[in-house]
Amino acid sequence: MFSRVYSAQINLLKGQIISVETDHSFGGIPNFSLVGLPDKAVDEARERVSSALKNSELPSTKDRSQKTVVSLAPAEIKKEGSSFDVAIALSYLLSSRQAFFNPEGKIFVGELSLNGEIQSIHGILPLVQKAKEDGFKEIYVPCQNASAAALVSGIKVYAVKDLSELVWGLSDKIVFKNKPPEEDIVFIRGNDPGFIKLEPLPLTEFKITTVKSSIDFADIRGQEGAKRGLEIAAAGGHNILMFGPPGTGKTMLAKAFTGILPGLSFDEALEVTGIHSIGGEAKEIILTNPPFRAPHHTSSYASIVGGGSSPRPGEVTLAHRGVLFMDEFPEFDRRVVESLRQPLEERYISISRAKTSGIFPANFILVAAMNPCPCGYQNTKIKPCTCTASDLAKYKRKLSGPILDRIDLSISVENVDCKKLSEMPSGEKSSDIRKRIKKARAIQHERFQKMSRSIKTNSEMNVKDLDSILIKPEAKNILIESAKKFGLSPRAYHRTLKLARTIADLDEKEAIESHHVLEAVQYRSRLNT
């Protein structure tokens, strides 16, 4: 007999519906085979399914002489992971005429343990979203994934803890085959108390929680210029480079930066949570705050960019809608640094491999930190610089012009006087700064709505968008003269204009004024020296 049950797997960052087709016949040499480009984890499902059925007191694949062929379609797509276990078990029971239910409109995902328990899987959100997009009405998921799955409306989500509960909850009839057939043991729903009624879950409530940052801006003594620069970067989504001698607070400022960022919208939270779930990084039901990623400077190219034989997201994608902090920026491998060109410009990254290619989102704020030289003390009063001319030249060459051109602000983080360090904190709290940033982003949102644009921040504007930006004539003249003086490229010119627009938004001004441009040029000019 033939049966078809539907499951799903992750393909790049999206769900892929997989049809689990089973052909079963009694008699002959016992055989259970899996076809359809299964990887090792999928191929081992034969043993997991057999043991799970037996230990759930359900008809097993090894109970009698029978031949079973399971095909995972479409055949040209490689099947990976253990999310097909439940669907394979159900498809076997249907094809062997030992369970009876209608599989149409239903998706089944989950890994089976040997005792029949259904274990959690990665990437549940994209799978549920794909099932909904393709018109499926119900999805059956492990209990551990249930709350995250129930964030998606428009599809019924059922949480199941083990295979026995699922089979007895779905089936209208269950048959245990015996020899001779007239001695088959038959259980029919309505006549037997063993059947279970499965209920769909209510929608999981979406709540934005306050960012829990271990460091508040008020805790950082001094560094008012750096705080101002970070506020501007957060308001407009601009990339920022902090430079200064060791121990002046660059890392502390970067960690405090997440505390001034507004929370994610519901759609953004679903997107970010889905990405982190696929990468096995999600530690919460839903991520409501921008992610903060801080890879070590020895991290490999693949870990930053993403990749593998079946491409997986790297740090630039895990930082999507959040912050990518790269401390000791010049110490990263040059190949890694240069790979940031595309995501910093296009806000996505393309990955191509021999067998597949894909585009991953990478819309993040880059916060980079570096020392002025290899020893860290060039042009400082703390210690004399011990670097040679060749050391300095080599250090500066590590950051190419195209990379620096894509960074909007350059901030000097100088040494703080010891007397100031001993004083009580007196600066603004992160919560107060966040209120100004929310107001500036609301101004941007209103402007983009009038322009019929779906972008979120000023940094995402294109050249056409900049034509509609209001700027006073004297401010425009200052920008043009500054561009000539500092030799700004067309890209740098446009980025400076975007930066000035953000400063004006923080100032709640409709048009960009002269002092907004002067401040923006000040941050940009340091990158060209």
Protein backbone atom coordinates (compact mmCIF):
# COMPACT_ATOMS: atom_id res chain seq x y z
CA MET A 1 0.00 0.00 0.00
CA PHE A 2 1.06 3.60 -0.67
CA SER A 3 0.88 6.61 1.65
CA ARG A 4 2.08 10.21 1.63
CA VAL A 5 2.77 12.34 4.71
CA TYR A 6 4.30 15.82 4.74
CA SER A 7 7.28 17.07 6.68
CA ALA A 8 9.76 19.94 6.29
CA GLN A 9 13.40 20.86 6.60
CA ILE A 10 15.51 24.01 6.54
CA ASN A 11 16.97 24.98 3.18
CA LEU A 12 19.38 27.89 3.68
CA LEU A 13 17.25 30.22 5.85
CA LYS A 14 13.82 29.12 4.67
CA GLY A 15 11.59 26.12 5.15
CA GLN A 16 11.31 23.44 2.48
CA ILE A 17 8.28 21.14 2.38
CA ILE A 18 9.27 17.49 1.99
CA SER A 19 6.87 14.76 0.91
CA VAL A 20 7.43 11.46 2.76
CA GLU A 21 6.10 8.73 0.48
CA THR A 22 6.00 5.12 1.62
CA ASP A 23 5.27 1.90 -0.28
CA HIS A 24 4.68 -1.15 1.91
CA SER A 25 4.06 -4.82 1.24
CA PHE A 26 3.87 -7.84 3.52
CA GLY A 27 5.90 -10.97 2.90
CA GLY A 28 9.32 -11.60 1.41
CA ILE A 29 12.69 -10.72 2.87
CA PRO A 30 12.35 -8.03 5.58
CA ASN A 31 13.67 -4.72 4.25
CA PHE A 32 13.33 -1.03 5.17
CA SER A 33 15.02 1.39 2.79
CA LEU A 34 15.23 5.18 2.54
CA VAL A 35 15.77 7.00 -0.76
CA GLY A 36 15.82 10.67 -1.81
CA LEU A 37 19.38 11.88 -1.05
CA PRO A 38 19.30 11.31 2.72
CA ASP A 39 22.34 12.26 4.77
CA LYS A 40 23.64 10.06 7.58
CA ALA A 41 21.24 11.49 10.18
CA VAL A 42 18.24 10.84 7.92
CA ASP A 43 19.45 7.36 6.96
CA GLU A 44 19.72 6.43 10.63
CA ALA A 45 16.02 7.26 11.04
CA ARG A 46 15.27 3.64 10.10
CA GLU A 47 16.60 2.43 13.44
CA ARG A 48 15.14 5.32 15.44
CA VAL A 49 11.69 4.82 13.93
CA SER A 50 11.74 1.05 14.48
CA SER A 51 12.75 1.35 18.13
CA ALA A 52 10.38 4.24 18.79
CA LEU A 53 7.40 2.27 17.40
CA LYS A 54 8.31 -0.83 19.41
CA ASN A 55 8.79 1.06 22.69
CA SER A 56 5.56 3.01 22.10
CA GLU A 57 3.70 -0.34 21.90
CA LEU A 58 2.80 0.36 18.28
CA PRO A 59 3.28 -1.90 15.22
CA SER A 60 7.00 -1.91 14.46
CA THR A 61 8.84 -2.16 11.13
CA LYS A 62 10.46 -5.40 12.41
CA ASP A 63 7.36 -7.19 13.70
CA ARG A 64 7.04 -9.50 10.67
CA SER A 65 8.28 -10.12 7.14
CA GLN A 66 7.59 -6.95 5.19
CA LYS A 67 9.18 -4.67 2.62
CA THR A 68 9.07 -0.89 3.11
CA VAL A 69 10.46 1.78 0.80
CA VAL A 70 10.40 5.41 2.00
CA SER A 71 11.04 8.16 -0.56
CA LEU A 72 11.76 11.74 0.47
CA ALA A 73 10.69 14.07 -2.32
CA PRO A 74 11.73 16.15 -4.17
CA ALA A 75 14.57 13.72 -4.76
CA GLU A 76 17.11 16.27 -6.05
CA ILE A 77 17.24 18.16 -2.73
CA LYS A 78 19.59 16.74 -0.12
CA LYS A 79 17.73 15.79 3.06
CA GLU A 80 19.52 16.68 6.28
CA GLY A 81 18.82 16.34 9.98
CA SER A 82 16.36 14.37 12.04
CA SER A 83 13.16 16.38 11.54
CA PHE A 84 11.63 13.65 9.31
CA ASP A 85 11.48 10.90 11.98
CA VAL A 86 7.87 11.48 13.01
CA ALA A 87 6.62 11.76 9.43
CA ILE A 88 8.43 8.54 8.45
CA ALA A 89 6.85 6.64 11.36
CA LEU A 90 3.36 7.89 10.52
CA SER A 91 3.78 7.22 6.81
CA TYR A 92 4.83 3.65 7.60
CA LEU A 93 1.76 3.08 9.81
CA LEU A 94 -0.53 4.46 7.10
CA SER A 95 0.98 2.44 4.26
CA SER A 96 0.92 -0.79 6.29
CA ARG A 97 -2.77 -0.16 7.07
CA GLN A 98 -2.14 -0.16 10.80
CA ALA A 99 -3.21 3.46 11.43
CA PHE A 100 -5.97 5.40 9.69
CA PHE A 101 -6.14 9.20 9.46
CA ASN A 102 -6.22 11.89 6.76
CA PRO A 103 -2.70 13.37 6.34
CA GLU A 104 -3.74 16.13 3.90
CA GLY A 105 -3.18 19.67 5.13
CA LYS A 106 -0.95 18.46 7.96
CA ILE A 107 2.81 18.83 8.57
CA PHE A 108 4.77 16.63 10.98
CA VAL A 109 8.24 17.53 12.27
CA GLY A 110 10.33 16.14 15.10
CA GLU A 111 13.13 13.78 16.03
CA LEU A 112 12.30 10.46 17.67
CA SER A 113 14.22 9.09 20.61
CA LEU A 114 14.42 5.31 20.96
CA ASN A 115 11.68 5.26 23.61
CA GLY A 116 9.26 7.16 21.37
CA GLU A 117 9.64 10.65 22.82
CA ILE A 118 9.60 13.47 20.28
CA GLN A 119 12.66 15.71 20.59
CA SER A 120 13.04 19.36 19.61
CA ILE A 121 14.54 20.49 16.31
CA HIS A 122 16.28 23.66 15.09
CA GLY A 123 14.58 26.23 12.87
CA ILE A 124 10.97 25.68 13.90
CA LEU A 125 9.81 29.23 13.04
CA PRO A 126 10.79 29.16 9.34
CA LEU A 127 9.20 25.70 9.04
CA VAL A 128 5.87 26.89 10.48
CA GLN A 129 5.93 30.01 8.30
CA LYS A 130 6.58 27.92 5.19
CA ALA A 131 3.78 25.48 6.08
CA LYS A 132 1.38 28.42 6.42
CA GLU A 133 2.54 29.97 3.12
CA ASP A 134 1.95 26.67 1.30
CA GLY A 135 -1.61 26.37 2.57
CA PHE A 136 -1.22 23.73 5.27
CA LYS A 137 -3.81 24.02 8.04
CA GLU A 138 -2.12 22.10 10.87
CA ILE A 139 1.42 21.44 12.07
CA TYR A 140 2.46 18.96 14.76
CA VAL A 141 5.64 19.92 16.62
CA PRO A 142 7.65 18.75 19.66
CA CYS A 143 6.52 20.24 22.98
CA GLN A 144 9.87 22.03 23.37
CA ASN A 145 9.23 23.95 20.12
CA ALA A 146 5.55 24.59 20.72
CA SER A 147 5.66 28.12 22.19
CA ALA A 148 7.89 29.40 19.39
CA ALA A 149 5.75 27.69 16.72
CA ALA A 150 2.57 29.24 18.16
CA LEU A 151 3.90 32.74 17.42
CA VAL A 152 2.70 32.26 13.83
CA SER A 153 -0.99 32.94 13.28
CA GLY A 154 -3.14 31.39 10.54
CA ILE A 155 -2.13 27.78 11.16
CA LYS A 156 -3.10 25.40 13.98
CA VAL A 157 -0.14 24.28 16.07
CA TYR A 158 -0.28 21.03 18.04
CA ALA A 159 2.31 20.11 20.66
CA VAL A 160 3.05 16.39 21.05
CA LYS A 161 5.35 14.80 23.61
CA ASP A 162 5.69 11.29 22.17
CA LEU A 163 4.80 9.10 19.22
CA SER A 164 2.13 7.15 21.07
CA GLU A 165 0.21 10.33 21.96
CA LEU A 166 0.38 11.52 18.36
CA VAL A 167 -0.80 8.25 16.79
CA TRP A 168 -3.63 7.72 19.26
CA GLY A 169 -4.60 11.38 18.91
CA LEU A 170 -4.70 11.38 15.12
CA SER A 171 -6.09 7.98 14.18
CA ASP A 172 -9.66 6.89 13.65
CA LYS A 173 -8.57 3.25 13.86
CA ILE A 174 -5.42 1.34 14.82
CA VAL A 175 -4.79 -2.25 13.70
CA PHE A 176 -2.19 -4.67 15.06
CA LYS A 177 -1.60 -7.27 12.31
CA ASN A 178 -1.49 -10.91 13.28
CA LYS A 179 -1.40 -14.29 11.59
CA PRO A 180 -3.99 -15.28 10.49
CA PRO A 181 -5.55 -11.89 9.51
CA GLU A 182 -8.87 -12.66 11.21
CA GLU A 183 -7.04 -12.44 14.53
CA ASP A 184 -5.97 -8.82 13.94
CA ILE A 185 -6.39 -6.61 17.02
CA VAL A 186 -8.47 -3.55 16.04
CA PHE A 187 -9.02 -0.37 18.06
CA ILE A 188 -11.70 2.08 16.83
CA ARG A 189 -12.12 5.67 18.03
CA GLY A 190 -15.24 6.08 20.11
CA ASN A 191 -15.21 2.47 21.29
CA ASP A 192 -11.91 2.58 23.12
CA PRO A 193 -10.74 4.94 25.88
CA GLY A 194 -7.11 4.76 24.65
CA PHE A 195 -7.70 7.38 21.94
CA ILE A 196 -6.60 10.94 22.76
CA LYS A 197 -8.04 14.29 21.69
CA LEU A 198 -5.35 16.71 20.56
CA GLU A 199 -6.04 20.43 21.02
CA PRO A 200 -4.37 23.29 19.10
CA LEU A 201 -2.29 25.74 21.11
CA PRO A 202 -3.33 29.37 21.68
CA LEU A 203 -1.14 32.02 20.05
CA THR A 204 1.98 32.88 22.04
CA GLU A 205 1.83 36.48 23.26
CA PHE A 206 4.50 38.82 21.93
CA LYS A 207 6.04 41.07 24.58
CA ILE A 208 9.02 43.40 24.13
CA THR A 209 11.23 43.10 27.19
CA THR A 210 13.59 45.85 28.31
CA VAL A 211 17.16 45.35 27.15
CA LYS A 212 19.16 43.86 29.99
CA SER A 213 22.62 45.33 29.50
CA SER A 214 25.22 44.72 32.17
CA ILE A 215 26.65 48.19 31.51
CA ASP A 216 24.67 51.44 31.51
CA PHE A 217 25.93 54.58 29.77
CA ALA A 218 25.68 56.33 33.15
CA ASP A 219 28.28 53.90 34.53
CA ILE A 220 30.90 55.06 32.03
CA ARG A 221 32.90 58.05 33.30
CA GLY A 222 33.85 60.62 30.71
CA GLN A 223 33.93 59.72 27.00
CA GLU A 224 31.11 62.15 26.20
CA GLY A 225 32.24 62.41 22.59
CA ALA A 226 32.14 58.64 22.13
CA LYS A 227 28.70 58.44 23.76
CA ARG A 228 27.42 61.11 21.38
CA GLY A 229 28.79 59.23 18.40
CA LEU A 230 27.19 55.97 19.51
CA GLU A 231 23.85 57.74 20.02
CA ILE A 232 23.97 59.01 16.43
CA ALA A 233 24.96 55.56 15.16
CA ALA A 234 22.02 53.95 16.99
CA ALA A 235 19.53 56.56 15.79
CA GLY A 236 20.37 56.16 12.11
CA GLY A 237 21.81 52.64 11.94
CA HIS A 238 25.28 53.93 11.01
CA ASN A 239 28.55 52.01 11.19
CA ILE A 240 31.09 53.36 13.70
CA LEU A 241 34.80 52.92 14.38
CA MET A 242 36.25 53.68 17.82
CA PHE A 243 40.00 54.13 18.13
CA GLY A 244 42.19 54.85 21.13
CA PRO A 245 44.86 53.38 23.40
CA PRO A 246 44.25 50.14 25.34
CA GLY A 247 42.03 50.25 28.41
CA THR A 248 40.16 53.46 27.61
CA GLY A 249 36.71 51.82 27.50
CA LYS A 250 36.08 50.94 23.85
CA THR A 251 34.76 47.46 24.66
CA MET A 252 32.68 48.80 27.55
CA LEU A 253 31.09 51.40 25.28
CA ALA A 254 30.28 48.74 22.69
CA LYS A 255 28.61 46.51 25.28
CA ALA A 256 26.57 49.44 26.58
CA PHE A 257 25.52 50.26 23.00
CA THR A 258 22.82 47.54 22.91
CA GLY A 259 21.13 49.22 25.88
CA ILE A 260 20.21 52.28 23.81
CA LEU A 261 18.80 50.42 20.81
CA PRO A 262 14.99 50.21 20.44
CA GLY A 263 13.37 46.77 20.61
CA LEU A 264 12.47 44.75 17.52
CA SER A 265 9.05 44.87 15.90
CA PHE A 266 7.05 41.62 15.76
CA ASP A 267 8.05 40.87 12.15
CA GLU A 268 11.70 41.66 12.89
CA ALA A 269 11.60 39.48 16.02
CA LEU A 270 10.23 36.54 14.02
CA GLU A 271 12.95 37.01 11.39
CA VAL A 272 15.79 37.27 13.91
CA THR A 273 14.51 34.39 16.05
CA GLY A 274 14.19 32.20 12.96
CA ILE A 275 17.81 32.88 11.97
CA HIS A 276 19.11 32.15 15.48
CA SER A 277 16.97 29.01 15.72
CA ILE A 278 18.46 27.66 12.49
CA GLY A 279 21.94 28.34 13.85
CA GLY A 280 21.06 26.65 17.16
CA GLU A 281 21.64 29.98 18.94
CA ALA A 282 18.11 30.81 20.16
CA LYS A 283 17.96 30.64 23.95
CA GLU A 284 14.54 32.30 24.25
CA ILE A 285 11.12 31.62 22.73
CA ILE A 286 11.42 34.85 20.75
CA LEU A 287 14.21 37.44 20.61
CA THR A 288 12.66 40.86 21.15
CA ASN A 289 15.89 42.87 21.40
CA PRO A 290 18.56 43.47 18.73
CA PRO A 291 21.23 40.72 18.82
CA PHE A 292 24.79 41.56 19.83
CA ARG A 293 27.52 39.45 18.22
CA ALA A 294 31.17 39.82 19.22
CA PRO A 295 33.35 37.27 17.38
CA HIS A 296 37.01 36.93 18.41
CA HIS A 297 39.58 38.33 15.99
CA THR A 298 40.91 34.80 15.36
CA SER A 299 37.51 33.66 14.01
CA SER A 300 37.62 31.93 10.65
CA TYR A 301 36.23 33.29 7.39
CA ALA A 302 33.38 30.76 7.33
CA SER A 303 32.34 31.52 10.92
CA ILE A 304 32.03 35.24 10.13
CA VAL A 305 30.55 35.09 6.64
CA GLY A 306 28.77 31.74 6.82
CA GLY A 307 29.27 28.69 4.67
CA GLY A 308 29.84 24.97 4.69
CA SER A 309 28.86 22.33 2.13
CA SER A 310 25.26 23.24 2.98
CA PRO A 311 25.63 26.97 3.76
CA ARG A 312 24.78 28.01 7.30
CA PRO A 313 24.54 31.57 8.64
CA GLY A 314 27.69 33.21 9.98
CA GLU A 315 28.17 36.06 12.43
CA VAL A 316 27.16 38.75 9.91
CA THR A 317 23.77 37.06 9.52
CA LEU A 318 23.36 36.26 13.22
CA ALA A 319 23.90 40.00 13.81
CA HIS A 320 21.02 40.85 11.43
CA ARG A 321 18.86 43.68 12.86
CA GLY A 322 21.43 44.11 15.62
CA VAL A 323 25.11 44.83 16.27
CA LEU A 324 28.30 43.20 15.02
CA PHE A 325 31.12 44.22 17.36
CA MET A 326 34.60 43.59 16.01
CA ASP A 327 37.20 44.36 18.66
CA GLU A 328 40.83 44.64 17.54
CA PHE A 329 39.44 45.27 14.06
CA PRO A 330 42.77 45.28 12.14
CA GLU A 331 43.75 41.96 13.78
CA PHE A 332 41.01 40.08 11.92
CA ASP A 333 42.18 38.18 8.88
CA ARG A 334 42.27 40.54 5.89
CA ARG A 335 40.02 38.19 3.94
CA VAL A 336 37.43 38.42 6.72
CA VAL A 337 37.56 42.22 6.84
CA GLU A 338 37.28 42.56 3.06
CA SER A 339 34.30 40.18 3.01
CA LEU A 340 32.34 42.86 4.90
CA ARG A 341 32.22 45.06 1.81
CA GLN A 342 29.00 43.53 0.45
CA PRO A 343 26.97 43.37 3.69
CA LEU A 344 28.02 46.89 4.71
CA GLU A 345 26.84 48.22 1.35
CA GLU A 346 24.00 45.93 0.25
CA ARG A 347 22.88 44.63 3.71
CA TYR A 348 22.98 41.03 2.56
CA ILE A 349 25.71 38.54 1.73
CA SER A 350 25.86 36.11 -1.17
CA ILE A 351 27.38 32.69 -0.58
CA SER A 352 28.14 30.34 -3.46
CA ARG A 353 29.32 26.77 -3.19
CA ALA A 354 29.81 24.01 -5.75
CA LYS A 355 26.37 22.49 -5.14
CA THR A 356 24.32 25.47 -4.00
CA SER A 357 24.23 29.21 -3.47
CA GLY A 358 22.16 31.51 -1.36
CA ILE A 359 21.61 35.05 -0.15
CA PHE A 360 21.61 35.66 3.61
CA PRO A 361 20.36 38.88 5.22
CA ALA A 362 23.05 40.95 6.96
CA ASN A 363 21.54 44.29 7.96
CA PHE A 364 23.57 45.14 11.05
CA ILE A 365 25.34 48.07 12.68
CA LEU A 366 29.10 47.54 12.63
CA VAL A 367 30.81 48.72 15.80
CA ALA A 368 34.56 48.34 15.31
CA ALA A 369 37.33 49.12 17.80
CA MET A 370 41.05 49.44 17.25
CA ASN A 371 44.25 50.81 18.75
CA PRO A 372 46.05 53.66 16.96
CA CYS A 373 49.07 51.41 16.34
CA PRO A 374 50.31 47.87 17.14
CA CYS A 375 51.65 48.87 20.57
CA GLY A 376 48.59 51.04 21.17
CA TYR A 377 50.23 54.28 22.30
CA GLN A 378 50.90 56.38 19.20
CA ASN A 379 50.18 60.09 19.81
CA THR A 380 49.24 59.49 23.46
CA LYS A 381 50.68 60.87 26.70
CA ILE A 382 50.42 57.52 28.51
CA LYS A 383 53.52 55.81 27.12
CA PRO A 384 55.90 56.41 24.23
CA CYS A 385 55.10 54.51 21.03
CA THR A 386 57.56 51.68 20.36
CA CYS A 387 56.38 50.88 16.81
CA THR A 388 58.71 51.22 13.85
CA ALA A 389 57.73 53.03 10.66
CA SER A 390 57.25 49.70 8.89
CA ASP A 391 55.03 48.45 11.75
CA LEU A 392 52.84 51.52 11.46
CA ALA A 393 52.59 51.26 7.67
CA LYS A 394 51.71 47.58 7.85
CA TYR A 395 49.08 48.23 10.53
CA LYS A 396 47.37 50.95 8.51
CA ARG A 397 47.33 48.79 5.39
CA LYS A 398 45.22 46.18 7.20
CA LEU A 399 42.14 48.36 6.74
CA SER A 400 41.58 49.14 3.08
CA GLY A 401 40.05 52.32 1.71
CA PRO A 402 36.85 50.58 0.53
CA ILE A 403 36.19 49.29 4.07
CA LEU A 404 36.85 52.66 5.73
CA ASP A 405 34.65 54.29 3.08
CA ARG A 406 31.72 52.22 4.35
CA ILE A 407 32.12 53.40 7.97
CA ASP A 408 30.20 56.58 8.79
CA LEU A 409 31.66 57.69 12.12
CA SER A 410 35.17 57.63 13.51
CA ILE A 411 35.35 58.33 17.25
CA SER A 412 38.44 58.95 19.36
CA VAL A 413 38.30 57.27 22.78
CA GLU A 414 40.96 58.98 24.85
CA ASN A 415 42.38 58.13 28.27
CA VAL A 416 40.22 59.31 31.21
CA ASP A 417 41.75 61.20 34.13
CA CYS A 418 42.01 59.09 37.29
CA LYS A 419 40.29 61.80 39.31
CA LYS A 420 37.23 61.55 37.08
CA LEU A 421 37.21 57.77 37.43
CA SER A 422 36.90 58.09 41.21
CA GLU A 423 33.84 60.34 40.99
CA MET A 424 30.26 59.13 41.32
CA PRO A 425 28.46 58.42 38.01
CA SER A 426 26.75 61.57 36.70
CA GLY A 427 26.07 60.88 33.03
CA GLU A 428 22.80 60.16 31.24
CA LYS A 429 21.21 56.75 31.67
CA SER A 430 20.83 54.43 28.71
CA SER A 431 17.04 54.55 29.11
CA ASP A 432 17.02 58.35 28.62
CA ILE A 433 19.21 58.13 25.52
CA ARG A 434 16.99 55.33 24.16
CA LYS A 435 13.95 57.65 24.36
CA ARG A 436 15.68 60.19 22.08
CA ILE A 437 16.67 57.44 19.66
CA LYS A 438 13.09 56.12 19.54
CA LYS A 439 11.85 59.63 18.78
CA ALA A 440 14.44 60.07 16.00
CA ARG A 441 13.51 56.72 14.49
CA ALA A 442 9.81 57.63 14.63
CA ILE A 443 10.64 60.77 12.60
CA GLN A 444 12.48 58.61 10.06
CA HIS A 445 9.61 56.11 9.91
CA GLU A 446 7.11 58.89 9.15
CA ARG A 447 9.39 60.32 6.45
CA PHE A 448 9.87 56.93 4.78
CA GLN A 449 6.12 56.26 4.82
CA LYS A 450 5.56 59.50 2.90
CA MET A 451 8.22 58.35 0.44
CA SER A 452 6.48 54.91 0.15
CA ARG A 453 9.67 53.22 1.35
CA SER A 454 9.79 50.19 3.66
CA ILE A 455 13.24 50.97 5.10
CA LYS A 456 13.79 51.61 8.82
CA THR A 457 16.77 53.94 9.23
CA ASN A 458 18.56 56.76 7.41
CA SER A 459 21.57 54.56 6.66
CA GLU A 460 19.38 52.41 4.37
CA MET A 461 18.46 55.29 2.05
CA ASN A 462 19.59 55.06 -1.57
CA VAL A 463 20.76 57.88 -3.83
CA LYS A 464 17.23 58.52 -5.10
CA ASP A 465 15.95 58.88 -1.53
CA LEU A 466 18.62 61.50 -0.82
CA ASP A 467 17.21 63.75 -3.56
CA SER A 468 14.14 64.39 -1.39
CA ILE A 469 16.14 65.23 1.77
CA LEU A 470 15.66 68.83 2.90
CA ILE A 471 18.95 70.68 3.40
CA LYS A 472 19.46 74.42 3.77
CA PRO A 473 21.55 76.09 1.02
CA GLU A 474 24.35 77.18 3.37
CA ALA A 475 24.55 73.65 4.81
CA LYS A 476 24.74 72.18 1.32
CA ASN A 477 27.59 74.54 0.42
CA ILE A 478 29.51 73.49 3.54
CA LEU A 479 29.04 69.82 2.61
CA ILE A 480 30.30 70.39 -0.93
CA GLU A 481 33.35 72.35 0.23
CA SER A 482 34.15 69.74 2.91
CA ALA A 483 33.91 66.95 0.34
CA LYS A 484 36.46 68.75 -1.83
CA LYS A 485 38.78 69.52 1.08
CA PHE A 486 38.86 65.99 2.49
CA GLY A 487 38.66 64.22 -0.87
CA LEU A 488 35.42 62.37 -0.11
CA SER A 489 34.34 59.74 -2.60
CA PRO A 490 30.75 59.84 -3.94
CA ARG A 491 29.89 57.06 -1.48
CA ALA A 492 31.44 58.98 1.43
CA TYR A 493 29.63 62.15 0.33
CA HIS A 494 26.25 60.40 0.40
CA ARG A 495 27.00 58.69 3.70
CA THR A 496 27.94 62.04 5.24
CA LEU A 497 24.61 63.47 4.05
CA LYS A 498 22.75 60.53 5.64
CA LEU A 499 24.70 61.10 8.87
CA ALA A 500 23.77 64.78 8.87
CA ARG A 501 20.13 63.82 8.35
CA THR A 502 20.28 61.60 11.46
CA ILE A 503 21.85 64.38 13.53
CA ALA A 504 19.05 66.69 12.39
CA ASP A 505 16.46 64.06 13.34
CA LEU A 506 17.92 63.86 16.85
CA ASP A 507 17.66 67.65 16.92
CA GLU A 508 14.04 67.34 15.64
CA LYS A 509 14.73 69.67 12.71
CA GLU A 510 12.89 69.33 9.42
CA ALA A 511 15.83 70.49 7.31
CA ILE A 512 19.55 69.82 7.71
CA GLU A 513 21.35 72.88 9.04
CA SER A 514 24.98 73.98 8.90
CA HIS A 515 25.95 72.70 12.35
CA HIS A 516 24.49 69.27 11.52
CA VAL A 517 26.73 69.02 8.46
CA LEU A 518 29.78 70.26 10.39
CA GLU A 519 29.32 67.59 13.04
CA ALA A 520 28.83 64.88 10.39
CA VAL A 521 31.96 66.00 8.51
CA GLN A 522 33.95 65.96 11.74
CA TYR A 523 33.18 62.24 12.21
CA ARG A 524 33.90 61.46 8.56
CA SER A 525 37.10 63.50 8.14
CA ARG A 526 39.06 61.32 10.59
CA LEU A 527 38.61 58.34 8.27
CA ASN A 528 40.34 60.20 5.45
CA THR A 529 43.47 61.15 7.40
